[in-house]
Protein backbone atom coordinates (compact mmCIF):
# COMPACT_ATOMS: atom_id res chain seq x y z
CA MET A 1 0.00 0.00 0.00
CA ALA A 2 1.29 3.44 -0.84
CA ASP A 3 2.32 5.77 1.97
CA GLU A 4 0.47 9.08 1.70
CA LEU A 5 2.53 12.21 2.20
CA GLY A 6 0.82 14.90 4.20
CA ARG A 7 -0.65 12.16 6.42
CA ILE A 8 2.52 10.33 7.44
CA GLN A 9 5.74 11.50 9.02
CA ARG A 10 8.67 12.30 6.80
CA PRO A 11 10.88 9.21 6.40
CA THR A 12 14.07 9.13 8.42
CA ALA A 13 17.48 8.93 6.79
CA GLY A 14 18.37 5.32 6.04
CA GLN A 15 14.84 4.03 6.64
CA TYR A 16 14.56 2.82 3.04
CA ASP A 17 18.22 2.12 2.26
CA GLY A 18 18.58 -0.52 -0.44
CA ARG A 19 14.92 -0.28 -1.44
CA ARG A 20 13.45 0.96 -4.71
CA LYS A 21 11.31 4.05 -4.06
CA LEU A 22 8.68 5.76 -6.21
CA LEU A 23 7.04 9.13 -5.57
CA LEU A 24 3.53 8.99 -7.04
CA VAL A 25 2.20 12.44 -7.97
CA PRO A 26 -1.45 12.90 -9.05
CA LEU A 27 -1.51 14.83 -12.30
CA VAL A 28 -4.42 17.28 -12.25
CA TYR A 29 -5.47 19.78 -14.88
CA GLY A 30 -7.74 22.79 -14.74
CA PRO A 31 -10.80 23.07 -16.97
CA GLN A 32 -10.43 24.86 -20.26
CA ALA A 33 -12.09 27.97 -18.91
CA ASP A 34 -11.10 31.37 -17.60
CA ASN A 35 -11.82 30.77 -13.91
CA ALA A 36 -9.67 32.76 -11.50
CA GLU A 37 -10.55 30.63 -8.48
CA GLY A 38 -9.70 27.41 -10.31
CA VAL A 39 -6.37 28.80 -11.49
CA GLU A 40 -5.53 29.85 -7.93
CA VAL A 41 -6.41 26.47 -6.41
CA LEU A 42 -4.47 24.62 -9.11
CA GLN A 43 -1.42 26.83 -8.58
CA ARG A 44 -1.58 26.13 -4.85
CA TYR A 45 -1.62 22.41 -5.55
CA TRP A 46 1.46 22.58 -7.76
CA GLU A 47 3.38 24.67 -5.24
CA GLN A 48 2.54 22.36 -2.33
CA MET A 49 3.19 19.23 -4.39
CA GLN A 50 6.62 20.43 -5.46
CA ALA A 51 7.53 21.33 -1.88
CA GLN A 52 6.55 17.85 -0.69
CA VAL A 53 8.45 16.16 -3.50
CA ASP A 54 11.56 18.24 -2.77
CA ALA A 55 11.41 17.38 0.95
CA LEU A 56 10.95 13.67 0.32
CA GLU A 57 13.61 13.63 -2.36
CA GLU A 58 16.07 15.14 0.12
CA ALA A 59 15.12 12.63 2.82
CA LEU A 60 15.53 9.67 0.46
CA GLY A 61 18.89 10.79 -0.90
CA GLY A 62 18.08 12.21 -4.32
CA LEU A 63 16.08 11.44 -7.44
CA GLN A 64 17.35 9.33 -10.33
CA HIS A 65 14.38 8.72 -12.67
CA VAL A 66 11.30 10.66 -13.78
CA TYR A 67 8.25 9.15 -15.51
CA HIS A 68 5.29 11.09 -16.95
CA GLU A 69 2.10 9.72 -18.49
CA SER A 70 1.73 10.19 -22.27
CA LEU A 71 5.50 10.46 -22.83
CA THR A 72 6.51 8.04 -25.58
CA VAL A 73 10.16 9.13 -25.64
CA GLY A 74 12.64 10.08 -22.93
CA GLY A 75 15.63 12.35 -22.45
CA ASP A 76 15.82 15.70 -24.23
CA GLU A 77 13.28 14.60 -26.85
CA GLY A 78 10.86 13.73 -24.07
CA LEU A 79 11.31 17.17 -22.53
CA GLN A 80 10.49 18.74 -25.89
CA GLN A 81 7.38 16.58 -26.19
CA LEU A 82 6.34 17.58 -22.70
CA GLY A 83 6.99 21.26 -23.35
CA ALA A 84 4.48 21.21 -26.19
CA ALA A 85 1.81 19.58 -24.03
CA ASP A 86 2.10 20.73 -20.42
CA GLN A 87 4.12 23.76 -19.33
CA ARG A 88 3.68 23.11 -15.60
CA SER A 89 5.05 19.58 -15.83
CA HIS A 90 7.76 20.72 -18.23
CA GLY A 91 9.12 23.35 -15.85
CA PHE A 92 8.98 21.03 -12.85
CA ILE A 93 10.62 18.08 -14.60
CA THR A 94 13.26 20.27 -16.26
CA SER A 95 14.44 21.31 -12.80
CA LYS A 96 14.73 17.64 -11.84
CA THR A 97 16.69 16.65 -14.94
CA GLN A 98 19.02 19.61 -14.48
CA ALA A 99 19.70 18.27 -10.98
CA GLY A 100 20.68 14.88 -12.41
CA ALA A 101 17.49 12.83 -12.83
CA PHE A 102 16.76 11.18 -16.18
CA LEU A 103 13.41 11.48 -17.94
CA GLU A 104 12.37 7.98 -19.01
CA THR A 105 10.18 6.77 -21.84
CA THR A 106 6.92 5.99 -20.06
CA GLU A 107 4.34 4.89 -22.64
CA ASP A 108 4.12 2.82 -25.82
CA MET A 109 3.07 5.05 -28.73
CA ASP A 110 0.78 2.54 -30.48
CA VAL A 111 -1.01 1.49 -27.30
CA LEU A 112 -1.43 5.08 -26.12
CA LEU A 113 -2.91 6.23 -29.43
CA GLU A 114 -5.23 3.22 -29.53
CA THR A 115 -6.47 3.99 -26.02
CA LEU A 116 -7.09 7.65 -26.83
CA ASP A 117 -8.93 6.80 -30.06
CA LEU A 118 -11.16 4.34 -28.21
CA GLN A 119 -11.94 6.96 -25.58
CA ARG A 120 -13.11 9.29 -28.35
CA CYS A 121 -15.22 6.55 -29.92
CA MET A 122 -16.92 5.84 -26.59
CA MET A 123 -18.04 9.47 -26.36
CA ILE A 124 -20.14 9.08 -29.52
CA PRO A 125 -23.82 8.13 -28.94
CA LEU A 126 -24.35 4.61 -30.28
CA ALA A 127 -27.58 2.97 -31.43
CA SER A 128 -26.30 -0.58 -30.86
CA ALA A 129 -25.75 -1.87 -27.32
CA SER A 130 -23.63 -4.67 -28.79
CA VAL A 131 -21.22 -2.21 -30.41
CA GLY A 132 -21.02 -0.26 -27.16
CA SER A 133 -20.20 -3.43 -25.24
CA ARG A 134 -17.48 -4.44 -27.69
CA LEU A 135 -15.97 -0.96 -27.58
CA GLN A 136 -15.91 -1.13 -23.78
CA GLU A 137 -14.14 -4.50 -23.85
CA TRP A 138 -11.62 -3.24 -26.40
CA HIS A 139 -10.98 -0.11 -24.36
CA SER A 140 -10.51 -2.13 -21.16
CA ASP A 141 -7.98 -4.40 -22.87
CA SER A 142 -6.13 -1.42 -24.34
CA ASN A 143 -6.03 0.26 -20.93
CA ARG A 144 -4.65 -2.90 -19.36
CA GLN A 145 -1.87 -3.04 -21.95
CA ARG A 146 -1.13 0.65 -21.40
CA TYR A 147 -0.73 0.38 -17.64
CA GLU A 148 1.21 -2.87 -17.85
CA PHE A 149 3.70 -1.13 -20.15
CA ILE A 150 4.12 1.74 -17.68
CA ALA A 151 4.68 -0.70 -14.80
CA ASN A 152 7.25 -2.64 -16.85
CA GLN A 153 9.09 0.56 -17.79
CA ILE A 154 9.41 1.52 -14.15
CA ASP A 155 10.41 -1.99 -13.13
CA SER A 156 13.12 -2.24 -15.80
CA THR A 157 14.70 1.19 -15.21
CA LEU A 158 14.39 1.83 -11.46
CA GLY A 159 17.39 0.21 -9.83
CA GLU A 160 18.16 -0.94 -6.31
CA ASN A 161 18.38 1.95 -3.82
CA GLU A 162 17.11 4.41 -6.45
CA THR A 163 14.19 6.82 -6.32
CA GLY A 164 11.79 7.58 -9.16
CA LEU A 165 9.02 10.12 -9.67
CA LEU A 166 5.82 9.29 -11.58
CA LEU A 167 3.30 11.94 -12.62
CA ILE A 168 0.05 10.30 -13.70
CA SER A 169 -3.70 10.89 -13.54
CA GLU A 170 -5.48 9.86 -10.35
CA ARG A 171 -7.58 7.22 -12.13
CA HIS A 172 -4.58 5.23 -13.31
CA GLN A 173 -4.54 1.45 -12.89
CA VAL A 174 -0.79 0.82 -12.75
CA GLN A 175 0.12 -2.16 -10.56
CA PHE A 176 3.58 -1.52 -9.15
CA PRO A 177 6.05 -4.32 -8.39
CA ASN A 178 5.87 -5.47 -4.77
CA ASP A 179 9.47 -4.53 -4.01
CA ILE A 180 8.91 -0.83 -4.83
CA GLU A 181 8.04 1.42 -1.90
CA VAL A 182 5.41 3.85 -3.22
CA PHE A 183 4.86 7.27 -1.65
CA TYR A 184 1.59 8.94 -2.66
CA VAL A 185 2.09 12.70 -2.66
CA SER A 186 -1.12 14.29 -1.36
CA PRO A 187 -0.79 17.95 -0.32
CA PRO A 188 -3.79 19.68 1.32
CA ALA A 189 -4.52 21.61 -1.87
CA LEU A 190 -5.29 18.35 -3.71
CA GLU A 191 -8.50 17.83 -1.74
CA GLU A 192 -9.24 21.53 -2.07
CA TYR A 193 -8.91 21.21 -5.85
CA ARG A 194 -11.18 18.14 -5.96
CA ARG A 195 -13.91 20.03 -4.09
CA TRP A 196 -13.55 23.07 -6.33
CA PHE A 197 -13.67 21.00 -9.51
CA GLN A 198 -16.77 19.10 -8.38
CA ASN A 199 -18.56 22.37 -7.59
CA TRP A 200 -17.47 23.87 -10.91
CA ALA A 201 -18.71 20.83 -12.85
CA GLU A 202 -22.07 20.94 -11.07
CA GLN A 203 -22.44 24.63 -11.89
CA GLN A 204 -21.69 23.93 -15.55
CA GLN A 205 -24.29 21.16 -15.65
CA ALA A 206 -26.88 23.39 -13.99
CA ALA A 207 -26.18 26.20 -16.45
CA ALA A 208 -26.49 23.80 -19.41
CA ALA A 209 -29.79 22.45 -18.08
CA ALA A 210 -31.14 25.97 -17.59
CA ALA A 211 -30.13 26.91 -21.13
CA ARG A 212 -32.10 23.96 -22.50
CA GLY A 213 -35.13 25.30 -20.68
C-alpha cells in the first residue's frame, strides 16, 4: 500500500536504504475555462506538491528517474514533447533533470494512441448496445496493456536503492512491483482542488440544463 505524504511522518534517513522508491504524484489539470478561483487552487496544488516532492527527495537521498504519463520518448526529446503539451510539468521536470534525474520513456506510442482513439469513440452516442459493449471491452484491454507497459518501464529502469518520480492521472490502474516502496504525494490543496472541480462541474451542468429550458 502506498504511503500518503501529508498524512505520514517524513521518512528518516536510512529508513529505506537498499529499497526501490517511487514518488507517485497525481496529475491534475484545470478546466479549459477562464476561472480565477480554479487557477488559484491549481497553482496552490502545484506549489505544495513540489515542496513535498523536494522534501521527500532530500530525505531519500536524491532522485534518479522521472516518468510522466503520455510520454513516448525520454531524455531531451521527451522534454520537448512535454513542453508542447504541459508547461507546468515541463518546468517542474526540467528542474529535476538539471539536478541529475533522467526522464524515461513511459508509454508505448501505439497502445497510447489506440487507447485515446477508443476513448473518443466511446463518447459518440451509439444505437447498438452490442457495439457499445465491444468498444468497452476493447478499451478495457487497451487500458490494461497501457498500464502494464508503464509498470514494466518503471520496473526495468528503477534500480536498487534508487528513487523515481511518476506523474500520472489519479484514475490510473498501474500495478507496481511489490518490491517498490510507493509514496503517494497528497498535499492539502489536492483535496481543495477536488472540491472546487466538483462544484465547478455541477455549476456547468446546472447552467447547461437551464439553457435547454
